[in-house]
Amino acid sequence: DVYKRQVHKLPEEAKTEEIIDLIRKLNADSKVKGILIFRPLPKNIDEKLIELAIDPKKDLDCINPINKAKLYDGDVSGFMPLSPKAAIELLEYYGYDLSKNALIINRSQVVGRPLAMLLLNRNATVTIAHSKTKNLIELTKKADYIFTAMGSKKSLDKSYFTKDSIIIDLTIGIDENGKLCGDLNQEDIKEFVKAYTPVPGGVGSLTNLLLIEAMING
């Protein structure tokens, strides 16, 4: 059954060696088609060793250095981080030309950097920003496409955008009312910008489908 999943929960105080032992067992299990590590990990865990432990052939989130190197070399035939892939596929499905100015507000190994590579492969001119960037409004207003994954709930209102802005919100958080939300202040921007992805119901939904696809085809 390709849809069956195993969830392994370890205590926060678990040691790096314990996680690696579990990963090795999953690597050796022919019934396991893919491995996904939920992050952030506790500070006492050595993430680099965890990344090295995952079999590249089961690395659903593309965190093994072998898969990262393939992606950064332009090879997108194998596993890649699913949220960036979902963002690109969503825009291409609706026929958007990505060979324009793109701003990514995230610099992580699982979102910002792989997303930059995917966009470069499509001839986009890419700028990477983050939560500490001082001239963020200036950058967002100059970009044709804005990909945000700051984890800063409802912080981006229409003052950051123009009427031609196309925004992909990759953040999933919980607001003060206990509802899912992203970086965008949707109520403020929804009648102002050209297009945006909602949270919930946007990139996250497609990411789940791509996860299933990766396990079937992996």
N, C-alpha and C. Protein backbone atom coordinates (compact mmCIF):
# COMPACT_ATOMS: atom_id res chain seq x y z
N ASP A 1 0.85 -1.19 0.00
CA ASP A 1 0.00 0.00 0.00
C ASP A 1 0.89 1.24 0.00
N VAL A 2 0.95 1.98 -1.09
CA VAL A 2 1.85 3.14 -1.20
C VAL A 2 1.39 4.31 -0.34
N TYR A 3 0.15 4.27 0.15
CA TYR A 3 -0.35 5.38 0.95
C TYR A 3 -0.16 5.15 2.44
N LYS A 4 0.34 4.00 2.84
CA LYS A 4 0.55 3.71 4.25
C LYS A 4 1.75 4.48 4.75
N ARG A 5 1.62 5.05 5.93
CA ARG A 5 2.74 5.82 6.47
C ARG A 5 3.11 5.31 7.86
N GLN A 6 4.34 5.50 8.18
CA GLN A 6 4.84 5.23 9.51
C GLN A 6 5.25 6.55 10.15
N VAL A 7 4.85 6.77 11.38
CA VAL A 7 5.25 7.97 12.11
C VAL A 7 6.10 7.55 13.30
N HIS A 8 7.32 8.03 13.33
CA HIS A 8 8.23 7.70 14.43
C HIS A 8 8.49 8.97 15.24
N LYS A 9 7.99 8.99 16.46
CA LYS A 9 8.16 10.15 17.33
C LYS A 9 9.22 9.83 18.39
N LEU A 10 10.22 10.68 18.45
CA LEU A 10 11.27 10.53 19.44
C LEU A 10 11.20 11.69 20.43
N PRO A 11 11.58 11.46 21.67
CA PRO A 11 11.54 12.54 22.66
C PRO A 11 12.51 13.65 22.31
N GLU A 12 12.25 14.85 22.79
CA GLU A 12 13.09 16.01 22.48
C GLU A 12 14.53 15.80 22.92
N GLU A 13 14.71 15.03 23.97
CA GLU A 13 16.06 14.81 24.49
C GLU A 13 16.79 13.65 23.80
N ALA A 14 16.19 13.08 22.76
CA ALA A 14 16.83 11.99 22.03
C ALA A 14 18.18 12.43 21.48
N LYS A 15 19.11 11.50 21.38
CA LYS A 15 20.45 11.82 20.90
C LYS A 15 20.53 11.62 19.38
N THR A 16 21.50 12.26 18.79
CA THR A 16 21.70 12.13 17.35
C THR A 16 21.85 10.67 16.94
N GLU A 17 22.58 9.90 17.74
CA GLU A 17 22.83 8.49 17.42
C GLU A 17 21.53 7.69 17.35
N GLU A 18 20.57 8.02 18.22
CA GLU A 18 19.29 7.31 18.21
C GLU A 18 18.54 7.56 16.91
N ILE A 19 18.55 8.79 16.45
CA ILE A 19 17.87 9.12 15.20
C ILE A 19 18.55 8.43 14.03
N ILE A 20 19.87 8.43 14.03
CA ILE A 20 20.60 7.79 12.95
C ILE A 20 20.34 6.29 12.92
N ASP A 21 20.27 5.65 14.08
CA ASP A 21 19.94 4.22 14.14
C ASP A 21 18.58 3.94 13.51
N LEU A 22 17.60 4.81 13.81
CA LEU A 22 16.26 4.64 13.24
C LEU A 22 16.30 4.84 11.73
N ILE A 23 17.02 5.85 11.27
CA ILE A 23 17.12 6.11 9.83
C ILE A 23 17.75 4.92 9.11
N ARG A 24 18.77 4.33 9.70
CA ARG A 24 19.42 3.18 9.07
C ARG A 24 18.46 2.00 8.93
N LYS A 25 17.61 1.80 9.92
CA LYS A 25 16.62 0.73 9.85
C LYS A 25 15.63 1.00 8.71
N LEU A 26 15.22 2.26 8.58
CA LEU A 26 14.28 2.62 7.51
C LEU A 26 14.95 2.53 6.14
N ASN A 27 16.23 2.89 6.08
CA ASN A 27 16.98 2.74 4.83
C ASN A 27 16.99 1.29 4.35
N ALA A 28 17.12 0.38 5.31
CA ALA A 28 17.25 -1.04 4.99
C ALA A 28 15.91 -1.72 4.74
N ASP A 29 14.82 -1.06 5.07
CA ASP A 29 13.49 -1.65 4.94
C ASP A 29 12.96 -1.41 3.52
N SER A 30 12.81 -2.46 2.75
CA SER A 30 12.38 -2.33 1.36
C SER A 30 10.95 -1.81 1.23
N LYS A 31 10.17 -1.92 2.31
CA LYS A 31 8.80 -1.44 2.28
C LYS A 31 8.72 0.08 2.43
N VAL A 32 9.78 0.69 2.91
CA VAL A 32 9.82 2.14 3.10
C VAL A 32 10.31 2.79 1.82
N LYS A 33 9.46 3.58 1.18
CA LYS A 33 9.80 4.19 -0.10
C LYS A 33 10.38 5.59 0.05
N GLY A 34 10.14 6.22 1.18
CA GLY A 34 10.65 7.57 1.37
C GLY A 34 10.74 7.94 2.84
N ILE A 35 11.66 8.82 3.15
CA ILE A 35 11.87 9.27 4.53
C ILE A 35 11.79 10.80 4.55
N LEU A 36 11.03 11.31 5.50
CA LEU A 36 10.86 12.76 5.65
C LEU A 36 11.10 13.13 7.10
N ILE A 37 12.04 14.04 7.33
CA ILE A 37 12.37 14.49 8.68
C ILE A 37 11.68 15.83 8.94
N PHE A 38 10.89 15.88 10.01
CA PHE A 38 10.23 17.14 10.34
C PHE A 38 11.17 18.02 11.15
N ARG A 39 11.28 19.26 10.72
CA ARG A 39 12.19 20.20 11.36
C ARG A 39 11.44 21.48 11.73
N PRO A 40 12.01 22.29 12.62
CA PRO A 40 13.39 22.26 13.12
C PRO A 40 13.63 21.17 14.16
N LEU A 41 14.84 20.66 14.15
CA LEU A 41 15.25 19.67 15.15
C LEU A 41 15.75 20.38 16.40
N PRO A 42 15.71 19.70 17.55
CA PRO A 42 16.26 20.29 18.77
C PRO A 42 17.74 20.66 18.60
N LYS A 43 18.20 21.64 19.34
CA LYS A 43 19.56 22.15 19.18
C LYS A 43 20.63 21.12 19.50
N ASN A 44 20.28 20.11 20.29
CA ASN A 44 21.27 19.09 20.65
C ASN A 44 21.49 18.06 19.54
N ILE A 45 20.73 18.15 18.46
CA ILE A 45 20.84 17.20 17.35
C ILE A 45 21.76 17.77 16.28
N ASP A 46 22.67 16.94 15.80
CA ASP A 46 23.58 17.33 14.72
C ASP A 46 22.88 17.09 13.37
N GLU A 47 22.35 18.16 12.80
CA GLU A 47 21.56 18.02 11.58
C GLU A 47 22.40 17.51 10.41
N LYS A 48 23.65 17.88 10.36
CA LYS A 48 24.50 17.44 9.25
C LYS A 48 24.62 15.92 9.22
N LEU A 49 24.76 15.31 10.39
CA LEU A 49 24.86 13.85 10.45
C LEU A 49 23.54 13.19 10.06
N ILE A 50 22.44 13.82 10.43
CA ILE A 50 21.12 13.30 10.05
C ILE A 50 20.97 13.33 8.53
N GLU A 51 21.37 14.44 7.93
CA GLU A 51 21.27 14.58 6.47
C GLU A 51 22.10 13.52 5.75
N LEU A 52 23.29 13.25 6.27
CA LEU A 52 24.16 12.25 5.66
C LEU A 52 23.62 10.84 5.81
N ALA A 53 22.84 10.59 6.86
CA ALA A 53 22.38 9.23 7.17
C ALA A 53 21.28 8.75 6.22
N ILE A 54 20.50 9.67 5.68
CA ILE A 54 19.36 9.27 4.85
C ILE A 54 19.83 8.77 3.49
N ASP A 55 19.33 7.61 3.11
CA ASP A 55 19.62 7.06 1.78
C ASP A 55 19.15 8.05 0.71
N PRO A 56 20.02 8.50 -0.20
CA PRO A 56 19.61 9.45 -1.24
C PRO A 56 18.40 9.00 -2.05
N LYS A 57 18.20 7.67 -2.14
CA LYS A 57 17.09 7.14 -2.92
C LYS A 57 15.76 7.22 -2.15
N LYS A 58 15.82 7.56 -0.86
CA LYS A 58 14.61 7.68 -0.05
C LYS A 58 14.44 9.07 0.54
N ASP A 59 15.21 10.00 0.06
CA ASP A 59 15.33 11.34 0.63
C ASP A 59 14.26 12.27 0.07
N LEU A 60 13.05 12.19 0.60
CA LEU A 60 11.91 12.92 0.02
C LEU A 60 12.09 14.42 0.03
N ASP A 61 12.79 14.96 1.02
CA ASP A 61 12.91 16.41 1.14
C ASP A 61 14.25 16.93 0.66
N CYS A 62 15.03 16.07 -0.01
CA CYS A 62 16.28 16.49 -0.66
C CYS A 62 17.23 17.15 0.34
N ILE A 63 17.51 16.46 1.46
CA ILE A 63 18.44 17.04 2.44
C ILE A 63 19.79 16.33 2.46
N ASN A 64 19.88 15.16 1.83
CA ASN A 64 21.18 14.51 1.71
C ASN A 64 22.07 15.33 0.78
N PRO A 65 23.34 15.55 1.13
CA PRO A 65 24.23 16.37 0.29
C PRO A 65 24.33 15.90 -1.16
N ILE A 66 24.18 14.60 -1.40
CA ILE A 66 24.23 14.10 -2.77
C ILE A 66 23.08 14.67 -3.59
N ASN A 67 21.88 14.66 -3.01
CA ASN A 67 20.71 15.20 -3.72
C ASN A 67 20.78 16.72 -3.85
N LYS A 68 21.30 17.37 -2.82
CA LYS A 68 21.48 18.83 -2.89
C LYS A 68 22.43 19.19 -4.03
N ALA A 69 23.54 18.46 -4.12
CA ALA A 69 24.53 18.75 -5.15
C ALA A 69 23.94 18.57 -6.55
N LYS A 70 23.13 17.53 -6.74
CA LYS A 70 22.48 17.31 -8.04
C LYS A 70 21.58 18.49 -8.39
N LEU A 71 20.81 18.94 -7.40
CA LEU A 71 19.89 20.05 -7.64
C LEU A 71 20.65 21.32 -7.98
N TYR A 72 21.70 21.63 -7.20
CA TYR A 72 22.45 22.86 -7.43
C TYR A 72 23.27 22.79 -8.73
N ASP A 73 23.45 21.59 -9.26
CA ASP A 73 24.12 21.43 -10.54
C ASP A 73 23.13 21.49 -11.71
N GLY A 74 21.86 21.68 -11.36
CA GLY A 74 20.85 21.81 -12.40
C GLY A 74 20.10 20.54 -12.72
N ASP A 75 20.41 19.46 -12.01
CA ASP A 75 19.74 18.17 -12.25
C ASP A 75 18.48 18.10 -11.38
N VAL A 76 17.31 18.20 -11.99
CA VAL A 76 16.05 18.18 -11.24
C VAL A 76 15.29 16.87 -11.48
N SER A 77 16.02 15.82 -11.87
CA SER A 77 15.38 14.55 -12.20
C SER A 77 15.08 13.70 -10.97
N GLY A 78 15.72 14.00 -9.84
CA GLY A 78 15.52 13.19 -8.64
C GLY A 78 14.66 13.90 -7.62
N PHE A 79 14.85 13.54 -6.34
CA PHE A 79 14.10 14.17 -5.27
C PHE A 79 14.50 15.64 -5.16
N MET A 80 13.53 16.46 -4.82
CA MET A 80 13.80 17.87 -4.53
C MET A 80 12.81 18.31 -3.45
N PRO A 81 13.14 19.38 -2.70
CA PRO A 81 12.21 19.86 -1.66
C PRO A 81 10.82 20.10 -2.24
N LEU A 82 9.82 19.61 -1.55
CA LEU A 82 8.48 19.55 -2.14
C LEU A 82 7.77 20.90 -2.19
N SER A 83 7.99 21.76 -1.19
CA SER A 83 7.32 23.06 -1.23
C SER A 83 7.78 23.91 -2.40
N PRO A 84 9.10 24.03 -2.64
CA PRO A 84 9.54 24.76 -3.84
C PRO A 84 9.00 24.16 -5.13
N LYS A 85 9.02 22.84 -5.22
CA LYS A 85 8.50 22.18 -6.42
C LYS A 85 7.02 22.50 -6.62
N ALA A 86 6.26 22.48 -5.53
CA ALA A 86 4.83 22.78 -5.61
C ALA A 86 4.60 24.21 -6.07
N ALA A 87 5.40 25.14 -5.57
CA ALA A 87 5.25 26.55 -5.95
C ALA A 87 5.47 26.72 -7.45
N ILE A 88 6.50 26.09 -7.98
CA ILE A 88 6.81 26.20 -9.41
C ILE A 88 5.73 25.54 -10.25
N GLU A 89 5.32 24.35 -9.87
CA GLU A 89 4.31 23.63 -10.66
C GLU A 89 2.98 24.37 -10.67
N LEU A 90 2.66 25.02 -9.56
CA LEU A 90 1.40 25.77 -9.49
C LEU A 90 1.41 26.93 -10.47
N LEU A 91 2.50 27.68 -10.51
CA LEU A 91 2.60 28.81 -11.43
C LEU A 91 2.61 28.36 -12.89
N GLU A 92 3.33 27.28 -13.16
CA GLU A 92 3.39 26.79 -14.54
C GLU A 92 2.04 26.23 -14.99
N TYR A 93 1.30 25.63 -14.08
CA TYR A 93 -0.02 25.10 -14.42
C TYR A 93 -0.94 26.23 -14.93
N TYR A 94 -0.81 27.40 -14.31
CA TYR A 94 -1.65 28.53 -14.72
C TYR A 94 -1.01 29.38 -15.82
N GLY A 95 0.10 28.89 -16.38
CA GLY A 95 0.66 29.51 -17.57
C GLY A 95 1.50 30.75 -17.34
N TYR A 96 2.02 30.94 -16.15
CA TYR A 96 2.85 32.11 -15.89
C TYR A 96 4.25 31.93 -16.47
N ASP A 97 4.77 32.98 -17.07
CA ASP A 97 6.13 33.00 -17.59
C ASP A 97 7.07 33.35 -16.45
N LEU A 98 7.94 32.42 -16.07
CA LEU A 98 8.81 32.63 -14.91
C LEU A 98 10.12 33.33 -15.24
N SER A 99 10.35 33.66 -16.50
CA SER A 99 11.60 34.31 -16.88
C SER A 99 11.53 35.82 -16.62
N LYS A 100 11.20 36.15 -15.38
CA LYS A 100 11.07 37.55 -14.95
C LYS A 100 11.80 37.73 -13.62
N ASN A 101 11.53 38.82 -12.92
CA ASN A 101 12.17 39.08 -11.63
C ASN A 101 11.44 38.36 -10.51
N ALA A 102 12.17 37.54 -9.78
CA ALA A 102 11.59 36.77 -8.68
C ALA A 102 12.31 37.09 -7.38
N LEU A 103 11.55 37.34 -6.34
CA LEU A 103 12.10 37.57 -5.00
C LEU A 103 11.70 36.41 -4.10
N ILE A 104 12.68 35.81 -3.44
CA ILE A 104 12.42 34.74 -2.47
C ILE A 104 12.74 35.27 -1.08
N ILE A 105 11.76 35.25 -0.18
CA ILE A 105 12.00 35.72 1.19
C ILE A 105 12.20 34.49 2.06
N ASN A 106 13.35 33.89 1.92
CA ASN A 106 13.74 32.70 2.68
C ASN A 106 15.11 32.28 2.17
N ARG A 107 15.98 31.85 3.07
CA ARG A 107 17.33 31.45 2.66
C ARG A 107 17.68 30.04 3.13
N SER A 108 16.66 29.24 3.47
CA SER A 108 16.92 27.91 4.03
C SER A 108 17.30 26.91 2.94
N GLN A 109 17.83 25.77 3.40
CA GLN A 109 18.25 24.69 2.50
C GLN A 109 17.06 23.95 1.90
N VAL A 110 15.88 24.05 2.52
CA VAL A 110 14.73 23.28 2.04
C VAL A 110 13.68 24.13 1.32
N VAL A 111 13.84 25.45 1.35
CA VAL A 111 12.89 26.31 0.63
C VAL A 111 13.64 27.30 -0.26
N GLY A 112 14.28 28.29 0.33
CA GLY A 112 14.84 29.40 -0.43
C GLY A 112 15.87 29.01 -1.46
N ARG A 113 16.88 28.26 -1.05
CA ARG A 113 17.98 27.94 -1.96
C ARG A 113 17.57 26.99 -3.09
N PRO A 114 16.86 25.89 -2.80
CA PRO A 114 16.41 25.05 -3.92
C PRO A 114 15.41 25.76 -4.83
N LEU A 115 14.55 26.60 -4.25
CA LEU A 115 13.60 27.36 -5.06
C LEU A 115 14.35 28.28 -6.02
N ALA A 116 15.43 28.88 -5.55
CA ALA A 116 16.25 29.75 -6.42
C ALA A 116 16.78 28.97 -7.60
N MET A 117 17.24 27.73 -7.36
CA MET A 117 17.77 26.92 -8.45
C MET A 117 16.69 26.56 -9.47
N LEU A 118 15.52 26.23 -8.99
CA LEU A 118 14.42 25.90 -9.90
C LEU A 118 14.04 27.10 -10.75
N LEU A 119 14.05 28.28 -10.16
CA LEU A 119 13.71 29.49 -10.90
C LEU A 119 14.81 29.85 -11.90
N LEU A 120 16.07 29.68 -11.50
CA LEU A 120 17.17 29.96 -12.42
C LEU A 120 17.11 29.05 -13.63
N ASN A 121 16.69 27.79 -13.41
CA ASN A 121 16.54 26.86 -14.53
C ASN A 121 15.47 27.31 -15.52
N ARG A 122 14.61 28.23 -15.06
CA ARG A 122 13.55 28.75 -15.92
C ARG A 122 13.83 30.20 -16.33
N ASN A 123 15.09 30.58 -16.23
CA ASN A 123 15.57 31.88 -16.69
C ASN A 123 15.02 33.07 -15.91
N ALA A 124 14.63 32.83 -14.67
CA ALA A 124 14.23 33.95 -13.80
C ALA A 124 15.47 34.69 -13.31
N THR A 125 15.30 35.97 -13.01
CA THR A 125 16.33 36.75 -12.34
C THR A 125 15.97 36.75 -10.85
N VAL A 126 16.81 36.10 -10.05
CA VAL A 126 16.42 35.77 -8.68
C VAL A 126 17.15 36.63 -7.65
N THR A 127 16.39 37.15 -6.69
CA THR A 127 16.93 37.82 -5.51
C THR A 127 16.47 37.06 -4.28
N ILE A 128 17.39 36.81 -3.35
CA ILE A 128 17.04 36.14 -2.10
C ILE A 128 17.09 37.15 -0.95
N ALA A 129 15.99 37.25 -0.22
CA ALA A 129 15.91 38.08 0.98
C ALA A 129 15.53 37.18 2.16
N HIS A 130 15.36 37.79 3.31
CA HIS A 130 14.99 37.03 4.52
C HIS A 130 14.42 38.00 5.54
N SER A 131 14.10 37.50 6.72
CA SER A 131 13.42 38.33 7.73
C SER A 131 14.28 39.48 8.22
N LYS A 132 15.60 39.42 8.02
CA LYS A 132 16.50 40.47 8.47
C LYS A 132 16.82 41.50 7.38
N THR A 133 16.29 41.30 6.18
CA THR A 133 16.56 42.22 5.08
C THR A 133 15.93 43.59 5.39
N LYS A 134 16.72 44.64 5.27
CA LYS A 134 16.26 45.97 5.69
C LYS A 134 15.41 46.68 4.65
N ASN A 135 15.66 46.43 3.39
CA ASN A 135 14.90 47.13 2.34
C ASN A 135 13.86 46.22 1.69
N LEU A 136 13.16 45.44 2.51
CA LEU A 136 12.26 44.42 1.98
C LEU A 136 11.15 45.01 1.12
N ILE A 137 10.53 46.09 1.56
CA ILE A 137 9.44 46.68 0.79
C ILE A 137 9.92 47.12 -0.60
N GLU A 138 11.11 47.68 -0.65
CA GLU A 138 11.67 48.09 -1.94
C GLU A 138 11.83 46.89 -2.87
N LEU A 139 12.29 45.76 -2.32
CA LEU A 139 12.51 44.57 -3.13
C LEU A 139 11.19 43.93 -3.57
N THR A 140 10.21 43.85 -2.66
CA THR A 140 8.94 43.21 -3.02
C THR A 140 8.22 43.99 -4.11
N LYS A 141 8.33 45.32 -4.09
CA LYS A 141 7.62 46.13 -5.08
C LYS A 141 8.27 46.07 -6.46
N LYS A 142 9.55 45.70 -6.50
CA LYS A 142 10.25 45.59 -7.79
C LYS A 142 10.07 44.21 -8.42
N ALA A 143 9.67 43.23 -7.66
CA ALA A 143 9.61 41.84 -8.16
C ALA A 143 8.29 41.56 -8.87
N ASP A 144 8.38 40.74 -9.91
CA ASP A 144 7.17 40.25 -10.57
C ASP A 144 6.52 39.13 -9.75
N TYR A 145 7.38 38.26 -9.21
CA TYR A 145 6.92 37.15 -8.38
C TYR A 145 7.58 37.27 -7.00
N ILE A 146 6.79 37.08 -5.97
CA ILE A 146 7.31 37.08 -4.60
C ILE A 146 6.96 35.75 -3.97
N PHE A 147 7.99 35.04 -3.51
CA PHE A 147 7.82 33.76 -2.81
C PHE A 147 8.19 34.01 -1.34
N THR A 148 7.23 33.91 -0.45
CA THR A 148 7.51 34.21 0.95
C THR A 148 7.38 32.99 1.84
N ALA A 149 8.39 32.80 2.69
CA ALA A 149 8.39 31.70 3.67
C ALA A 149 9.13 32.18 4.92
N MET A 150 8.76 33.36 5.40
CA MET A 150 9.41 33.94 6.57
C MET A 150 8.95 33.30 7.87
N GLY A 151 7.72 32.80 7.88
CA GLY A 151 7.15 32.31 9.13
C GLY A 151 6.70 33.47 10.01
N SER A 152 6.34 34.57 9.38
CA SER A 152 5.92 35.79 10.10
C SER A 152 4.45 36.02 9.80
N LYS A 153 3.60 35.53 10.67
CA LYS A 153 2.17 35.43 10.40
C LYS A 153 1.50 36.77 10.07
N LYS A 154 0.84 36.81 8.92
CA LYS A 154 0.04 37.94 8.48
C LYS A 154 0.81 39.26 8.46
N SER A 155 2.12 39.21 8.28
CA SER A 155 2.94 40.42 8.39
C SER A 155 3.02 41.22 7.10
N LEU A 156 2.71 40.59 5.96
CA LEU A 156 2.84 41.27 4.67
C LEU A 156 1.48 41.79 4.20
N ASP A 157 1.30 43.11 4.31
CA ASP A 157 0.06 43.72 3.85
C ASP A 157 0.29 44.38 2.48
N LYS A 158 -0.69 45.10 2.00
CA LYS A 158 -0.60 45.63 0.64
C LYS A 158 0.47 46.71 0.48
N SER A 159 0.99 47.24 1.59
CA SER A 159 2.06 48.23 1.49
C SER A 159 3.34 47.65 0.90
N TYR A 160 3.45 46.31 0.89
CA TYR A 160 4.63 45.64 0.36
C TYR A 160 4.53 45.37 -1.15
N PHE A 161 3.36 45.55 -1.73
CA PHE A 161 3.14 45.05 -3.08
C PHE A 161 2.59 46.14 -4.01
N THR A 162 2.51 45.77 -5.29
CA THR A 162 1.85 46.60 -6.29
C THR A 162 0.65 45.83 -6.83
N LYS A 163 -0.12 46.48 -7.67
CA LYS A 163 -1.28 45.81 -8.25
C LYS A 163 -0.90 44.71 -9.22
N ASP A 164 0.37 44.66 -9.63
CA ASP A 164 0.84 43.62 -10.54
C ASP A 164 1.55 42.46 -9.82
N SER A 165 1.62 42.52 -8.50
CA SER A 165 2.35 41.50 -7.73
C SER A 165 1.66 40.15 -7.82
N ILE A 166 2.49 39.11 -7.97
CA ILE A 166 2.02 37.71 -7.92
C ILE A 166 2.78 37.06 -6.77
N ILE A 167 2.05 36.56 -5.78
CA ILE A 167 2.68 36.15 -4.52
C ILE A 167 2.36 34.68 -4.21
N ILE A 168 3.41 33.94 -3.90
CA ILE A 168 3.28 32.55 -3.46
C ILE A 168 3.64 32.50 -1.98
N ASP A 169 2.68 32.14 -1.15
CA ASP A 169 2.88 32.10 0.30
C ASP A 169 3.15 30.65 0.71
N LEU A 170 4.38 30.37 1.16
CA LEU A 170 4.77 29.01 1.54
C LEU A 170 4.79 28.79 3.05
N THR A 171 4.37 29.78 3.81
CA THR A 171 4.34 29.66 5.27
C THR A 171 3.01 29.06 5.71
N ILE A 172 3.06 28.20 6.71
CA ILE A 172 1.84 27.70 7.35
C ILE A 172 1.99 27.91 8.85
N GLY A 173 1.12 28.74 9.42
CA GLY A 173 1.14 29.01 10.85
C GLY A 173 -0.26 29.03 11.41
N ILE A 174 -0.37 29.35 12.67
CA ILE A 174 -1.67 29.44 13.36
C ILE A 174 -1.85 30.85 13.87
N ASP A 175 -2.96 31.49 13.52
CA ASP A 175 -3.17 32.87 13.96
C ASP A 175 -3.76 32.95 15.35
N GLU A 176 -4.09 34.16 15.78
CA GLU A 176 -4.60 34.39 17.14
C GLU A 176 -5.96 33.74 17.38
N ASN A 177 -6.65 33.37 16.30
CA ASN A 177 -7.96 32.70 16.42
C ASN A 177 -7.88 31.20 16.24
N GLY A 178 -6.64 30.68 16.16
CA GLY A 178 -6.45 29.25 16.00
C GLY A 178 -6.65 28.75 14.59
N LYS A 179 -6.63 29.65 13.61
CA LYS A 179 -6.83 29.27 12.22
C LYS A 179 -5.50 29.29 11.45
N LEU A 180 -5.42 28.45 10.42
CA LEU A 180 -4.21 28.42 9.60
C LEU A 180 -4.03 29.75 8.87
N CYS A 181 -2.78 30.18 8.78
CA CYS A 181 -2.49 31.41 8.07
C CYS A 181 -1.07 31.35 7.53
N GLY A 182 -0.73 32.29 6.66
CA GLY A 182 0.63 32.38 6.12
C GLY A 182 1.24 33.73 6.44
N ASP A 183 2.22 34.13 5.67
CA ASP A 183 2.86 35.44 5.86
C ASP A 183 1.97 36.58 5.38
N LEU A 184 1.07 36.28 4.44
CA LEU A 184 0.24 37.33 3.85
C LEU A 184 -0.92 37.71 4.75
N ASN A 185 -1.19 39.01 4.78
CA ASN A 185 -2.44 39.50 5.37
C ASN A 185 -3.48 39.45 4.26
N GLN A 186 -4.14 38.31 4.15
CA GLN A 186 -5.00 38.06 3.00
C GLN A 186 -6.14 39.05 2.87
N GLU A 187 -6.72 39.45 3.99
CA GLU A 187 -7.84 40.39 3.93
C GLU A 187 -7.41 41.72 3.33
N ASP A 188 -6.17 42.11 3.58
CA ASP A 188 -5.69 43.40 3.12
C ASP A 188 -5.27 43.37 1.65
N ILE A 189 -4.76 42.23 1.19
CA ILE A 189 -4.18 42.19 -0.16
C ILE A 189 -5.09 41.56 -1.21
N LYS A 190 -6.15 40.88 -0.79
CA LYS A 190 -6.88 40.03 -1.73
C LYS A 190 -7.54 40.79 -2.88
N GLU A 191 -7.94 42.03 -2.67
CA GLU A 191 -8.56 42.81 -3.75
C GLU A 191 -7.56 43.78 -4.38
N PHE A 192 -6.28 43.67 -3.98
CA PHE A 192 -5.27 44.64 -4.43
C PHE A 192 -4.28 44.05 -5.41
N VAL A 193 -3.68 42.91 -5.08
CA VAL A 193 -2.62 42.33 -5.93
C VAL A 193 -3.22 41.55 -7.10
N LYS A 194 -2.36 41.23 -8.07
CA LYS A 194 -2.81 40.51 -9.26
C LYS A 194 -3.22 39.08 -8.92
N ALA A 195 -2.41 38.38 -8.13
CA ALA A 195 -2.71 37.00 -7.77
C ALA A 195 -1.91 36.61 -6.53
N TYR A 196 -2.44 35.67 -5.75
CA TYR A 196 -1.73 35.16 -4.58
C TYR A 196 -2.25 33.76 -4.24
N THR A 197 -1.45 33.00 -3.51
CA THR A 197 -1.91 31.68 -3.06
C THR A 197 -2.41 31.80 -1.63
N PRO A 198 -3.60 31.29 -1.35
CA PRO A 198 -4.16 31.39 0.00
C PRO A 198 -3.56 30.34 0.94
N VAL A 199 -3.68 30.60 2.23
CA VAL A 199 -3.35 29.62 3.27
C VAL A 199 -4.54 29.60 4.23
N PRO A 200 -5.21 28.43 4.36
CA PRO A 200 -4.93 27.15 3.68
C PRO A 200 -5.47 27.13 2.25
N GLY A 201 -5.20 26.01 1.56
CA GLY A 201 -5.75 25.79 0.23
C GLY A 201 -4.85 26.19 -0.91
N GLY A 202 -3.60 26.51 -0.62
CA GLY A 202 -2.68 26.92 -1.67
C GLY A 202 -1.60 25.91 -1.93
N VAL A 203 -0.34 26.33 -1.72
CA VAL A 203 0.81 25.47 -2.00
C VAL A 203 0.80 24.21 -1.14
N GLY A 204 0.33 24.33 0.10
CA GLY A 204 0.34 23.18 1.01
C GLY A 204 -0.43 21.98 0.48
N SER A 205 -1.58 22.24 -0.13
CA SER A 205 -2.40 21.15 -0.68
C SER A 205 -1.67 20.42 -1.79
N LEU A 206 -1.03 21.18 -2.67
CA LEU A 206 -0.29 20.57 -3.77
C LEU A 206 0.95 19.84 -3.26
N THR A 207 1.58 20.37 -2.23
CA THR A 207 2.76 19.71 -1.64
C THR A 207 2.42 18.30 -1.19
N ASN A 208 1.25 18.13 -0.57
CA ASN A 208 0.83 16.81 -0.12
C ASN A 208 0.68 15.83 -1.29
N LEU A 209 0.14 16.31 -2.40
CA LEU A 209 0.00 15.45 -3.58
C LEU A 209 1.37 15.07 -4.16
N LEU A 210 2.28 16.03 -4.16
CA LEU A 210 3.63 15.76 -4.68
C LEU A 210 4.38 14.78 -3.80
N LEU A 211 4.08 14.80 -2.51
CA LEU A 211 4.69 13.83 -1.60
C LEU A 211 4.28 12.41 -1.98
N ILE A 212 3.01 12.22 -2.26
CA ILE A 212 2.52 10.91 -2.69
C ILE A 212 3.17 10.51 -4.01
N GLU A 213 3.23 11.46 -4.93
CA GLU A 213 3.85 11.19 -6.23
C GLU A 213 5.31 10.78 -6.09
N ALA A 214 6.04 11.46 -5.19
CA ALA A 214 7.45 11.15 -4.98
C ALA A 214 7.64 9.75 -4.45
N MET A 215 6.75 9.32 -3.57
CA MET A 215 6.86 7.98 -3.00
C MET A 215 6.52 6.90 -4.03
N ILE A 216 5.56 7.20 -4.90
CA ILE A 216 5.17 6.23 -5.93
C ILE A 216 6.28 6.07 -6.97
N ASN A 217 6.88 7.20 -7.37
CA ASN A 217 7.86 7.19 -8.44
C ASN A 217 9.29 7.04 -7.95
N GLY A 218 9.50 7.15 -6.62
CA GLY A 218 10.86 7.12 -6.09
C GLY A 218 11.52 5.76 -6.21
